[in-house]
PDB file of N, CA and C in Angstrom:
ATOM      1  N   MET A   1    -118.982  84.310 -94.315  1.00  0.00           N
ATOM      2  CA  MET A   1    -118.495  84.481 -95.667  1.00  0.00           C
ATOM      3  C   MET A   1    -119.435  85.415 -96.409  1.00  0.00           C
ATOM      4  N   GLN A   2    -118.873  86.170 -97.309  1.00  0.00           N
ATOM      5  CA  GLN A   2    -119.657  87.041 -98.169  1.00  0.00           C
ATOM      6  C   GLN A   2    -119.885  86.319 -99.489  1.00  0.00           C
ATOM      7  N   ILE A   3    -121.115  86.366 -99.962  1.00  0.00           N
ATOM      8  CA  ILE A   3    -121.474  85.704-101.212  1.00  0.00           C
ATOM      9  C   ILE A   3    -122.042  86.745-102.163  1.00  0.00           C
ATOM     10  N   LYS A   4    -121.410  86.872-103.325  1.00  0.00           N
ATOM     11  CA  LYS A   4    -121.876  87.780-104.367  1.00  0.00           C
ATOM     12  C   LYS A   4    -122.608  86.944-105.407  1.00  0.00           C
ATOM     13  N   LEU A   5    -123.867  87.254-105.618  1.00  0.00           N
ATOM     14  CA  LEU A   5    -124.686  86.546-106.604  1.00  0.00           C
ATOM     15  C   LEU A   5    -124.976  87.479-107.778  1.00  0.00           C
ATOM     16  N   PHE A   6    -125.139  86.903-108.948  1.00  0.00           N
ATOM     17  CA  PHE A   6    -125.403  87.670-110.158  1.00  0.00           C
ATOM     18  C   PHE A   6    -126.666  87.148-110.832  1.00  0.00           C
ATOM     19  N   HIS A   7    -127.401  88.053-111.439  1.00  0.00           N
ATOM     20  CA  HIS A   7    -128.652  87.762-112.174  1.00  0.00           C
ATOM     21  C   HIS A   7    -129.748  87.221-111.265  1.00  0.00           C
ATOM     22  N   PRO A   8    -130.304  88.000-110.404  1.00  0.00           N
ATOM     23  CA  PRO A   8    -130.053  89.414-110.133  1.00  0.00           C
ATOM     24  C   PRO A   8    -128.857  89.596-109.197  1.00  0.00           C
ATOM     25  N   THR A   9    -128.198  90.753-109.317  1.00  0.00           N
ATOM     26  CA  THR A   9    -127.024  91.052-108.507  1.00  0.00           C
ATOM     27  C   THR A   9    -127.447  91.360-107.081  1.00  0.00           C
ATOM     28  N   ARG A  10    -126.801  90.673-106.130  1.00  0.00           N
ATOM     29  CA  ARG A  10    -127.073  90.902-104.715  1.00  0.00           C
ATOM     30  C   ARG A  10    -125.951  90.277-103.894  1.00  0.00           C
ATOM     31  N   GLU A  11    -125.863  90.660-102.636  1.00  0.00           N
ATOM     32  CA  GLU A  11    -124.870  90.089-101.731  1.00  0.00           C
ATOM     33  C   GLU A  11    -125.558  89.592-100.472  1.00  0.00           C
ATOM     34  N   ILE A  12    -125.109  88.433 -99.989  1.00  0.00           N
ATOM     35  CA  ILE A  12    -125.617  87.882 -98.743  1.00  0.00           C
ATOM     36  C   ILE A  12    -124.427  87.339 -97.958  1.00  0.00           C
ATOM     37  N   SER A  13    -124.659  86.987 -96.721  1.00  0.00           N
ATOM     38  CA  SER A  13    -123.569  86.402 -95.931  1.00  0.00           C
ATOM     39  C   SER A  13    -124.072  85.172 -95.196  1.00  0.00           C
ATOM     40  N   PHE A  14    -123.160  84.229 -95.016  1.00  0.00           N
ATOM     41  CA  PHE A  14    -123.402  82.994 -94.266  1.00  0.00           C
ATOM     42  C   PHE A  14    -122.262  82.820 -93.281  1.00  0.00           C
ATOM     43  N   LYS A  15    -122.520  82.110 -92.228  1.00  0.00           N
ATOM     44  CA  LYS A  15    -121.444  81.717 -91.320  1.00  0.00           C
ATOM     45  C   LYS A  15    -120.799  80.455 -91.886  1.00  0.00           C
ATOM     46  N   GLY A  16    -119.496  80.356 -91.782  1.00  0.00           N
ATOM     47  CA  GLY A  16    -118.778  79.210 -92.319  1.00  0.00           C
ATOM     48  C   GLY A  16    -118.026  78.516 -91.218  1.00  0.00           C
ATOM     49  N   PRO A  17    -117.217  77.562 -91.573  1.00  0.00           N
ATOM     50  CA  PRO A  17    -116.965  77.060 -92.928  1.00  0.00           C
ATOM     51  C   PRO A  17    -118.096  76.155 -93.414  1.00  0.00           C
ATOM     52  N   LYS A  18    -118.274  76.133 -94.730  1.00  0.00           N
ATOM     53  CA  LYS A  18    -119.302  75.300 -95.365  1.00  0.00           C
ATOM     54  C   LYS A  18    -118.796  74.809 -96.717  1.00  0.00           C
ATOM     55  N   PRO A  19    -119.157  73.583 -97.087  1.00  0.00           N
ATOM     56  CA  PRO A  19    -118.817  73.127 -98.431  1.00  0.00           C
ATOM     57  C   PRO A  19    -119.697  73.834 -99.475  1.00  0.00           C
ATOM     58  N   VAL A  20    -119.166  73.980-100.669  1.00  0.00           N
ATOM     59  CA  VAL A  20    -119.902  74.641-101.753  1.00  0.00           C
ATOM     60  C   VAL A  20    -121.256  73.982-101.972  1.00  0.00           C
ATOM     61  N   SER A  21    -121.319  72.661-101.928  1.00  0.00           N
ATOM     62  CA  SER A  21    -122.598  71.966-102.153  1.00  0.00           C
ATOM     63  C   SER A  21    -123.649  72.396-101.139  1.00  0.00           C
ATOM     64  N   SER A  22    -123.252  72.623 -99.895  1.00  0.00           N
ATOM     65  CA  SER A  22    -124.177  73.059 -98.854  1.00  0.00           C
ATOM     66  C   SER A  22    -124.652  74.495 -99.098  1.00  0.00           C
ATOM     67  N   ILE A  23    -123.748  75.351 -99.531  1.00  0.00           N
ATOM     68  CA  ILE A  23    -124.107  76.747 -99.821  1.00  0.00           C
ATOM     69  C   ILE A  23    -125.127  76.805-100.949  1.00  0.00           C
ATOM     70  N   LEU A  24    -124.865  76.077-102.025  1.00  0.00           N
ATOM     71  CA  LEU A  24    -125.793  76.072-103.159  1.00  0.00           C
ATOM     72  C   LEU A  24    -127.151  75.494-102.765  1.00  0.00           C
ATOM     73  N   ALA A  25    -127.146  74.432-101.971  1.00  0.00           N
ATOM     74  CA  ALA A  25    -128.402  73.825-101.530  1.00  0.00           C
ATOM     75  C   ALA A  25    -129.201  74.804-100.686  1.00  0.00           C
ATOM     76  N   LYS A  26    -128.529  75.508 -99.782  1.00  0.00           N
ATOM     77  CA  LYS A  26    -129.212  76.469 -98.911  1.00  0.00           C
ATOM     78  C   LYS A  26    -129.825  77.610 -99.725  1.00  0.00           C
ATOM     79  N   LEU A  27    -129.173  77.966-100.829  1.00  0.00           N
ATOM     80  CA  LEU A  27    -129.688  79.021-101.705  1.00  0.00           C
ATOM     81  C   LEU A  27    -130.694  78.502-102.727  1.00  0.00           C
ATOM     82  N   GLY A  28    -130.859  77.179-102.809  1.00  0.00           N
ATOM     83  CA  GLY A  28    -131.778  76.595-103.780  1.00  0.00           C
ATOM     84  C   GLY A  28    -131.283  76.689-105.205  1.00  0.00           C
ATOM     85  N   LEU A  29    -129.947  76.661-105.381  1.00  0.00           N
ATOM     86  CA  LEU A  29    -129.355  76.784-106.711  1.00  0.00           C
ATOM     87  C   LEU A  29    -128.792  75.441-107.166  1.00  0.00           C
ATOM     88  N   PRO A  30    -129.135  74.982-108.367  1.00  0.00           N
ATOM     89  CA  PRO A  30    -128.577  73.721-108.864  1.00  0.00           C
ATOM     90  C   PRO A  30    -127.099  73.877-109.217  1.00  0.00           C
ATOM     91  N   ARG A  31    -126.285  72.936-108.771  1.00  0.00           N
ATOM     92  CA  ARG A  31    -124.834  72.982-108.988  1.00  0.00           C
ATOM     93  C   ARG A  31    -124.477  73.031-110.471  1.00  0.00           C
ATOM     94  N   GLU A  32    -125.160  72.249-111.278  1.00  0.00           N
ATOM     95  CA  GLU A  32    -124.820  72.172-112.700  1.00  0.00           C
ATOM     96  C   GLU A  32    -125.141  73.451-113.467  1.00  0.00           C
ATOM     97  N   ALA A  33    -125.862  74.367-112.856  1.00  0.00           N
ATOM     98  CA  ALA A  33    -126.230  75.608-113.532  1.00  0.00           C
ATOM     99  C   ALA A  33    -125.488  76.828-112.990  1.00  0.00           C
ATOM    100  N   HIS A  34    -124.518  76.607-112.057  1.00  0.00           N
ATOM    101  CA  HIS A  34    -123.822  77.727-111.436  1.00  0.00           C
ATOM    102  C   HIS A  34    -122.327  77.459-111.277  1.00  0.00           C
ATOM    103  N   LEU A  35    -121.547  78.525-111.419  1.00  0.00           N
ATOM    104  CA  LEU A  35    -120.108  78.475-111.183  1.00  0.00           C
ATOM    105  C   LEU A  35    -119.824  79.167-109.861  1.00  0.00           C
ATOM    106  N   VAL A  36    -118.943  78.584-109.067  1.00  0.00           N
ATOM    107  CA  VAL A  36    -118.563  79.188-107.791  1.00  0.00           C
ATOM    108  C   VAL A  36    -117.087  79.545-107.873  1.00  0.00           C
ATOM    109  N   ILE A  37    -116.784  80.809-107.566  1.00  0.00           N
ATOM    110  CA  ILE A  37    -115.434  81.330-107.686  1.00  0.00           C
ATOM    111  C   ILE A  37    -114.994  81.872-106.334  1.00  0.00           C
ATOM    112  N   CYS A  38    -113.814  81.434-105.889  1.00  0.00           N
ATOM    113  CA  CYS A  38    -113.233  81.904-104.633  1.00  0.00           C
ATOM    114  C   CYS A  38    -111.783  82.292-104.904  1.00  0.00           C
ATOM    115  N   ASP A  39    -111.412  83.529-104.571  1.00  0.00           N
ATOM    116  CA  ASP A  39    -110.055  84.022-104.827  1.00  0.00           C
ATOM    117  C   ASP A  39    -109.650  83.858-106.285  1.00  0.00           C
ATOM    118  N   ASP A  40    -110.565  84.197-107.186  1.00  0.00           N
ATOM    119  CA  ASP A  40    -110.332  84.127-108.634  1.00  0.00           C
ATOM    120  C   ASP A  40    -110.083  82.709-109.147  1.00  0.00           C
ATOM    121  N   VAL A  41    -110.491  81.699-108.379  1.00  0.00           N
ATOM    122  CA  VAL A  41    -110.320  80.303-108.770  1.00  0.00           C
ATOM    123  C   VAL A  41    -111.681  79.617-108.770  1.00  0.00           C
ATOM    124  N   LEU A  42    -111.977  78.908-109.840  1.00  0.00           N
ATOM    125  CA  LEU A  42    -113.203  78.117-109.914  1.00  0.00           C
ATOM    126  C   LEU A  42    -113.082  76.940-108.943  1.00  0.00           C
ATOM    127  N   VAL A  43    -114.063  76.783-108.041  1.00  0.00           N
ATOM    128  CA  VAL A  43    -113.984  75.725-107.036  1.00  0.00           C
ATOM    129  C   VAL A  43    -115.063  74.676-107.276  1.00  0.00           C
ATOM    130  N   THR A  44    -114.811  73.470-106.778  1.00  0.00           N
ATOM    131  CA  THR A  44    -115.743  72.360-106.938  1.00  0.00           C
ATOM    132  C   THR A  44    -116.700  72.285-105.756  1.00  0.00           C
ATOM    133  N   GLU A  45    -117.731  71.462-105.896  1.00  0.00           N
ATOM    134  CA  GLU A  45    -118.763  71.388-104.871  1.00  0.00           C
ATOM    135  C   GLU A  45    -118.283  70.803-103.548  1.00  0.00           C
ATOM    136  N   ASP A  46    -117.155  70.112-103.530  1.00  0.00           N
ATOM    137  CA  ASP A  46    -116.644  69.560-102.276  1.00  0.00           C
ATOM    138  C   ASP A  46    -115.647  70.489-101.572  1.00  0.00           C
ATOM    139  N   THR A  47    -115.353  71.642-102.170  1.00  0.00           N
ATOM    140  CA  THR A  47    -114.461  72.622-101.553  1.00  0.00           C
ATOM    141  C   THR A  47    -115.147  73.255-100.351  1.00  0.00           C
ATOM    142  N   VAL A  48    -114.426  73.342 -99.235  1.00  0.00           N
ATOM    143  CA  VAL A  48    -114.965  73.972 -98.027  1.00  0.00           C
ATOM    144  C   VAL A  48    -114.541  75.439 -98.036  1.00  0.00           C
ATOM    145  N   ILE A  49    -115.531  76.314 -97.911  1.00  0.00           N
ATOM    146  CA  ILE A  49    -115.305  77.758 -97.932  1.00  0.00           C
ATOM    147  C   ILE A  49    -115.201  78.264 -96.498  1.00  0.00           C
ATOM    148  N   SER A  50    -114.137  79.008 -96.200  1.00  0.00           N
ATOM    149  CA  SER A  50    -113.920  79.502 -94.840  1.00  0.00           C
ATOM    150  C   SER A  50    -114.867  80.653 -94.506  1.00  0.00           C
ATOM    151  N   ASP A  51    -114.969  80.933 -93.230  1.00  0.00           N
ATOM    152  CA  ASP A  51    -115.875  81.965 -92.742  1.00  0.00           C
ATOM    153  C   ASP A  51    -115.493  83.360 -93.242  1.00  0.00           C
ATOM    154  N   ASP A  52    -114.215  83.615 -93.474  1.00  0.00           N
ATOM    155  CA  ASP A  52    -113.776  84.946 -93.882  1.00  0.00           C
ATOM    156  C   ASP A  52    -113.617  85.102 -95.404  1.00  0.00           C
ATOM    157  N   ALA A  53    -114.044  84.129 -96.170  1.00  0.00           N
ATOM    158  CA  ALA A  53    -113.898  84.155 -97.636  1.00  0.00           C
ATOM    159  C   ALA A  53    -114.973  85.012 -98.300  1.00  0.00           C
ATOM    160  N   VAL A  54    -114.646  85.454 -99.495  1.00  0.00           N
ATOM    161  CA  VAL A  54    -115.606  86.128-100.367  1.00  0.00           C
ATOM    162  C   VAL A  54    -115.708  85.273-101.621  1.00  0.00           C
ATOM    163  N   ILE A  55    -116.926  84.845-101.956  1.00  0.00           N
ATOM    164  CA  ILE A  55    -117.113  84.020-103.153  1.00  0.00           C
ATOM    165  C   ILE A  55    -118.116  84.679-104.097  1.00  0.00           C
ATOM    166  N   GLU A  56    -118.028  84.299-105.348  1.00  0.00           N
ATOM    167  CA  GLU A  56    -118.984  84.725-106.365  1.00  0.00           C
ATOM    168  C   GLU A  56    -119.708  83.497-106.860  1.00  0.00           C
ATOM    169  N   ILE A  57    -121.012  83.614-107.041  1.00  0.00           N
ATOM    170  CA  ILE A  57    -121.793  82.549-107.655  1.00  0.00           C
ATOM    171  C   ILE A  57    -122.415  83.135-108.914  1.00  0.00           C
ATOM    172  N   ARG A  58    -122.034  82.560-110.047  1.00  0.00           N
ATOM    173  CA  ARG A  58    -122.490  83.061-111.341  1.00  0.00           C
ATOM    174  C   ARG A  58    -123.245  81.971-112.085  1.00  0.00           C
ATOM    175  N   PRO A  59    -124.332  82.332-112.736  1.00  0.00           N
ATOM    176  CA  PRO A  59    -125.041  81.345-113.539  1.00  0.00           C
ATOM    177  C   PRO A  59    -124.221  80.989-114.782  1.00  0.00           C
ATOM    178  N   VAL A  60    -124.334  79.751-115.209  1.00  0.00           N
ATOM    179  CA  VAL A  60    -123.668  79.300-116.432  1.00  0.00           C
ATOM    180  C   VAL A  60    -124.437  79.880-117.610  1.00  0.00           C
ATOM    181  N   MET A  61    -123.722  80.498-118.531  1.00  0.00           N
ATOM    182  CA  MET A  61    -124.326  81.076-119.725  1.00  0.00           C
ATOM    183  C   MET A  61    -123.825  80.306-120.937  1.00  0.00           C
ATOM    184  N   SER A  62    -124.704  80.025-121.841  1.00  0.00           N
ATOM    185  CA  SER A  62    -124.291  79.392-123.084  1.00  0.00           C
ATOM    186  C   SER A  62    -124.958  80.099-124.243  1.00  0.00           C
ATOM    187  N   GLY A  63    -124.435  79.896-125.382  1.00  0.00           N
ATOM    188  CA  GLY A  63    -125.007  80.540-126.551  1.00  0.00           C
ATOM    189  C   GLY A  63    -124.051  80.456-127.717  1.00  0.00           C
ATOM    190  N   GLY A  64    -124.470  81.010-128.798  1.00  0.00           N
ATOM    191  CA  GLY A  64    -123.630  80.912-129.977  1.00  0.00           C
ATOM    192  C   GLY A  64    -123.307  82.222-130.567  1.00  0.00           C
TER     193      GLY A  64
END
């Protein structure tokens, strides 16, 4: 799977399938601070990502 990360912008790849929680853990990213998007859909931590998928991992931004 291809993983697009932002802040800083970079791309990496993993072999799948893997659940989102496993991907975030392997990257050392806390789930509550990141959004995972697959095929333009926000996915949950129990979603299994296929080997041929492209996902985006974006940090949660807040502000006023």
